[in-house]
Amino acid sequence: MCSVRMNDAEHALVATAARAVGVTVAGFFARAALRAAHDPHTSAAAIAGRRETVVELFAARRHLGQIGNNLNQLTRAINSGAQPPDAELDAVLVAVRRASARVRDATDQLLEDS
């Protein structure tokens, strides 16, 4: 049996990560600890760098969810016969490109660190 102490923000981050991969918080800790135990040469700096990258991926995921909401609203408006201003459409496209770039950059960083 083992226990882990963390503040609310840390727990929320771990819980979000666990949900994203479809495991419990305990399962997430177990997998992470076992992976680290199998690679004792992994430095604290490398782990911290990966954490920052994963945080960025989760932020990009939230951003993509917000963009999805915007797209749904625009689609509803268009389907009801309205014509949204070009500026709104352009803003959504810019947001899609920005979020895609964030995901690409974070993924590239994870691949470089592997």
C-alpha atoms as a PDB file:
ATOM      1  CA  MET A   1       0.000   0.000   0.000  1.00  0.00           C
ATOM      2  CA  CYS A   2       1.241   3.469  -0.790  1.00  0.00           C
ATOM      3  CA  SER A   3      -0.122   6.986  -0.661  1.00  0.00           C
ATOM      4  CA  VAL A   4       0.787  10.174  -2.435  1.00  0.00           C
ATOM      5  CA  ARG A   5       0.375  13.734  -1.204  1.00  0.00           C
ATOM      6  CA  MET A   6      -0.296  16.586  -3.595  1.00  0.00           C
ATOM      7  CA  ASN A   7      -2.140  19.856  -3.665  1.00  0.00           C
ATOM      8  CA  ASP A   8      -5.516  20.316  -5.371  1.00  0.00           C
ATOM      9  CA  ALA A   9      -4.023  21.685  -8.591  1.00  0.00           C
ATOM     10  CA  GLU A  10      -1.614  18.756  -8.879  1.00  0.00           C
ATOM     11  CA  HIS A  11      -4.402  16.262  -8.209  1.00  0.00           C
ATOM     12  CA  ALA A  12      -6.622  17.911 -10.817  1.00  0.00           C
ATOM     13  CA  LEU A  13      -3.800  17.699 -13.373  1.00  0.00           C
ATOM     14  CA  VAL A  14      -3.202  14.010 -12.646  1.00  0.00           C
ATOM     15  CA  ALA A  15      -6.943  13.234 -12.656  1.00  0.00           C
ATOM     16  CA  THR A  16      -7.317  14.944 -16.042  1.00  0.00           C
ATOM     17  CA  ALA A  17      -4.382  12.972 -17.427  1.00  0.00           C
ATOM     18  CA  ALA A  18      -5.793   9.718 -16.048  1.00  0.00           C
ATOM     19  CA  ARG A  19      -9.199  10.376 -17.617  1.00  0.00           C
ATOM     20  CA  ALA A  20      -7.539  11.214 -20.932  1.00  0.00           C
ATOM     21  CA  VAL A  21      -5.932   7.777 -21.087  1.00  0.00           C
ATOM     22  CA  GLY A  22      -8.914   5.957 -19.596  1.00  0.00           C
ATOM     23  CA  VAL A  23      -7.503   4.797 -16.264  1.00  0.00           C
ATOM     24  CA  THR A  24      -8.088   5.590 -12.621  1.00  0.00           C
ATOM     25  CA  VAL A  25      -5.812   7.983 -10.769  1.00  0.00           C
ATOM     26  CA  ALA A  26      -4.288   5.010  -8.929  1.00  0.00           C
ATOM     27  CA  GLY A  27      -3.753   3.191 -12.218  1.00  0.00           C
ATOM     28  CA  PHE A  28      -2.165   6.284 -13.709  1.00  0.00           C
ATOM     29  CA  PHE A  29       0.266   6.551 -10.795  1.00  0.00           C
ATOM     30  CA  ALA A  30       1.085   2.859 -11.014  1.00  0.00           C
ATOM     31  CA  ARG A  31       1.832   3.018 -14.749  1.00  0.00           C
ATOM     32  CA  ALA A  32       3.911   6.166 -14.373  1.00  0.00           C
ATOM     33  CA  ALA A  33       5.892   4.779 -11.436  1.00  0.00           C
ATOM     34  CA  LEU A  34       6.562   1.465 -13.164  1.00  0.00           C
ATOM     35  CA  ARG A  35       7.689   3.221 -16.327  1.00  0.00           C
ATOM     36  CA  ALA A  36      10.064   5.400 -14.314  1.00  0.00           C
ATOM     37  CA  ALA A  37      11.332   2.357 -12.385  1.00  0.00           C
ATOM     38  CA  HIS A  38      12.185   0.584 -15.633  1.00  0.00           C
ATOM     39  CA  ASP A  39      14.240   3.600 -16.778  1.00  0.00           C
ATOM     40  CA  PRO A  40      16.301   4.723 -13.764  1.00  0.00           C
ATOM     41  CA  HIS A  41      18.459   6.983 -15.932  1.00  0.00           C
ATOM     42  CA  THR A  42      15.553   9.321 -16.619  1.00  0.00           C
ATOM     43  CA  SER A  43      16.446  12.607 -14.985  1.00  0.00           C
ATOM     44  CA  ALA A  44      14.167  14.859 -13.023  1.00  0.00           C
ATOM     45  CA  ALA A  45      14.699  17.513 -15.703  1.00  0.00           C
ATOM     46  CA  ALA A  46      13.477  15.159 -18.439  1.00  0.00           C
ATOM     47  CA  ILE A  47      10.405  14.273 -16.395  1.00  0.00           C
ATOM     48  CA  ALA A  48       9.697  17.978 -15.776  1.00  0.00           C
ATOM     49  CA  GLY A  49      10.085  18.726 -19.497  1.00  0.00           C
ATOM     50  CA  ARG A  50       7.642  15.984 -20.413  1.00  0.00           C
ATOM     51  CA  ARG A  51       5.206  17.284 -17.805  1.00  0.00           C
ATOM     52  CA  GLU A  52       5.274  20.741 -19.380  1.00  0.00           C
ATOM     53  CA  THR A  53       4.676  19.226 -22.798  1.00  0.00           C
ATOM     54  CA  VAL A  54       1.765  17.139 -21.536  1.00  0.00           C
ATOM     55  CA  VAL A  55       0.284  20.227 -19.868  1.00  0.00           C
ATOM     56  CA  GLU A  56       0.516  22.002 -23.243  1.00  0.00           C
ATOM     57  CA  LEU A  57      -1.225  19.075 -24.965  1.00  0.00           C
ATOM     58  CA  PHE A  58      -4.082  19.223 -22.456  1.00  0.00           C
ATOM     59  CA  ALA A  59      -4.372  22.993 -22.963  1.00  0.00           C
ATOM     60  CA  ALA A  60      -4.474  22.480 -26.724  1.00  0.00           C
ATOM     61  CA  ARG A  61      -7.130  19.790 -26.238  1.00  0.00           C
ATOM     62  CA  ARG A  62      -9.296  22.241 -24.262  1.00  0.00           C
ATOM     63  CA  HIS A  63      -8.694  24.855 -26.964  1.00  0.00           C
ATOM     64  CA  LEU A  64      -9.840  22.409 -29.649  1.00  0.00           C
ATOM     65  CA  GLY A  65     -12.981  21.695 -27.620  1.00  0.00           C
ATOM     66  CA  GLN A  66     -13.772  25.404 -27.493  1.00  0.00           C
ATOM     67  CA  ILE A  67     -13.202  25.658 -31.229  1.00  0.00           C
ATOM     68  CA  GLY A  68     -15.575  22.730 -31.732  1.00  0.00           C
ATOM     69  CA  ASN A  69     -18.240  24.642 -29.821  1.00  0.00           C
ATOM     70  CA  ASN A  70     -17.687  27.681 -32.048  1.00  0.00           C
ATOM     71  CA  LEU A  71     -17.954  25.531 -35.170  1.00  0.00           C
ATOM     72  CA  ASN A  72     -21.209  24.015 -33.905  1.00  0.00           C
ATOM     73  CA  GLN A  73     -22.664  27.480 -33.306  1.00  0.00           C
ATOM     74  CA  LEU A  74     -21.640  28.654 -36.775  1.00  0.00           C
ATOM     75  CA  THR A  75     -23.054  25.496 -38.359  1.00  0.00           C
ATOM     76  CA  ARG A  76     -26.376  25.948 -36.548  1.00  0.00           C
ATOM     77  CA  ALA A  77     -26.555  29.549 -37.730  1.00  0.00           C
ATOM     78  CA  ILE A  78     -25.774  28.618 -41.338  1.00  0.00           C
ATOM     79  CA  ASN A  79     -28.273  25.740 -41.275  1.00  0.00           C
ATOM     80  CA  SER A  80     -30.969  28.117 -40.062  1.00  0.00           C
ATOM     81  CA  GLY A  81     -30.326  30.422 -43.016  1.00  0.00           C
ATOM     82  CA  ALA A  82     -28.130  33.001 -41.313  1.00  0.00           C
ATOM     83  CA  GLN A  83     -24.875  34.167 -42.833  1.00  0.00           C
ATOM     84  CA  PRO A  84     -22.275  34.687 -40.086  1.00  0.00           C
ATOM     85  CA  PRO A  85     -19.849  37.549 -40.682  1.00  0.00           C
ATOM     86  CA  ASP A  86     -16.679  36.570 -42.530  1.00  0.00           C
ATOM     87  CA  ALA A  87     -14.690  37.807 -39.535  1.00  0.00           C
ATOM     88  CA  GLU A  88     -16.245  35.093 -37.335  1.00  0.00           C
ATOM     89  CA  LEU A  89     -15.453  32.388 -39.863  1.00  0.00           C
ATOM     90  CA  ASP A  90     -11.906  33.701 -40.226  1.00  0.00           C
ATOM     91  CA  ALA A  91     -11.440  33.775 -36.445  1.00  0.00           C
ATOM     92  CA  VAL A  92     -12.466  30.120 -36.145  1.00  0.00           C
ATOM     93  CA  LEU A  93     -10.087  29.119 -38.942  1.00  0.00           C
ATOM     94  CA  VAL A  94      -7.241  31.010 -37.264  1.00  0.00           C
ATOM     95  CA  ALA A  95      -8.051  29.257 -33.972  1.00  0.00           C
ATOM     96  CA  VAL A  96      -8.025  25.846 -35.699  1.00  0.00           C
ATOM     97  CA  ARG A  97      -4.611  26.570 -37.215  1.00  0.00           C
ATOM     98  CA  ARG A  98      -3.247  27.824 -33.889  1.00  0.00           C
ATOM     99  CA  ALA A  99      -4.526  24.798 -31.949  1.00  0.00           C
ATOM    100  CA  SER A 100      -3.237  22.418 -34.615  1.00  0.00           C
ATOM    101  CA  ALA A 101       0.189  24.033 -34.404  1.00  0.00           C
ATOM    102  CA  ARG A 102       0.172  23.688 -30.599  1.00  0.00           C
ATOM    103  CA  VAL A 103      -0.636  19.987 -30.848  1.00  0.00           C
ATOM    104  CA  ARG A 104       2.011  19.487 -33.557  1.00  0.00           C
ATOM    105  CA  ASP A 105       4.700  21.350 -31.572  1.00  0.00           C
ATOM    106  CA  ALA A 106       3.934  19.518 -28.319  1.00  0.00           C
ATOM    107  CA  THR A 107       3.884  16.155 -30.092  1.00  0.00           C
ATOM    108  CA  ASP A 108       7.198  16.950 -31.794  1.00  0.00           C
ATOM    109  CA  GLN A 109       8.659  17.853 -28.407  1.00  0.00           C
ATOM    110  CA  LEU A 110       7.513  14.566 -26.889  1.00  0.00           C
ATOM    111  CA  LEU A 111       9.024  12.649 -29.812  1.00  0.00           C
ATOM    112  CA  GLU A 112      12.337  14.528 -29.452  1.00  0.00           C
ATOM    113  CA  ASP A 113      12.448  13.734 -25.725  1.00  0.00           C
ATOM    114  CA  SER A 114      11.834  10.028 -26.266  1.00  0.00           C
END
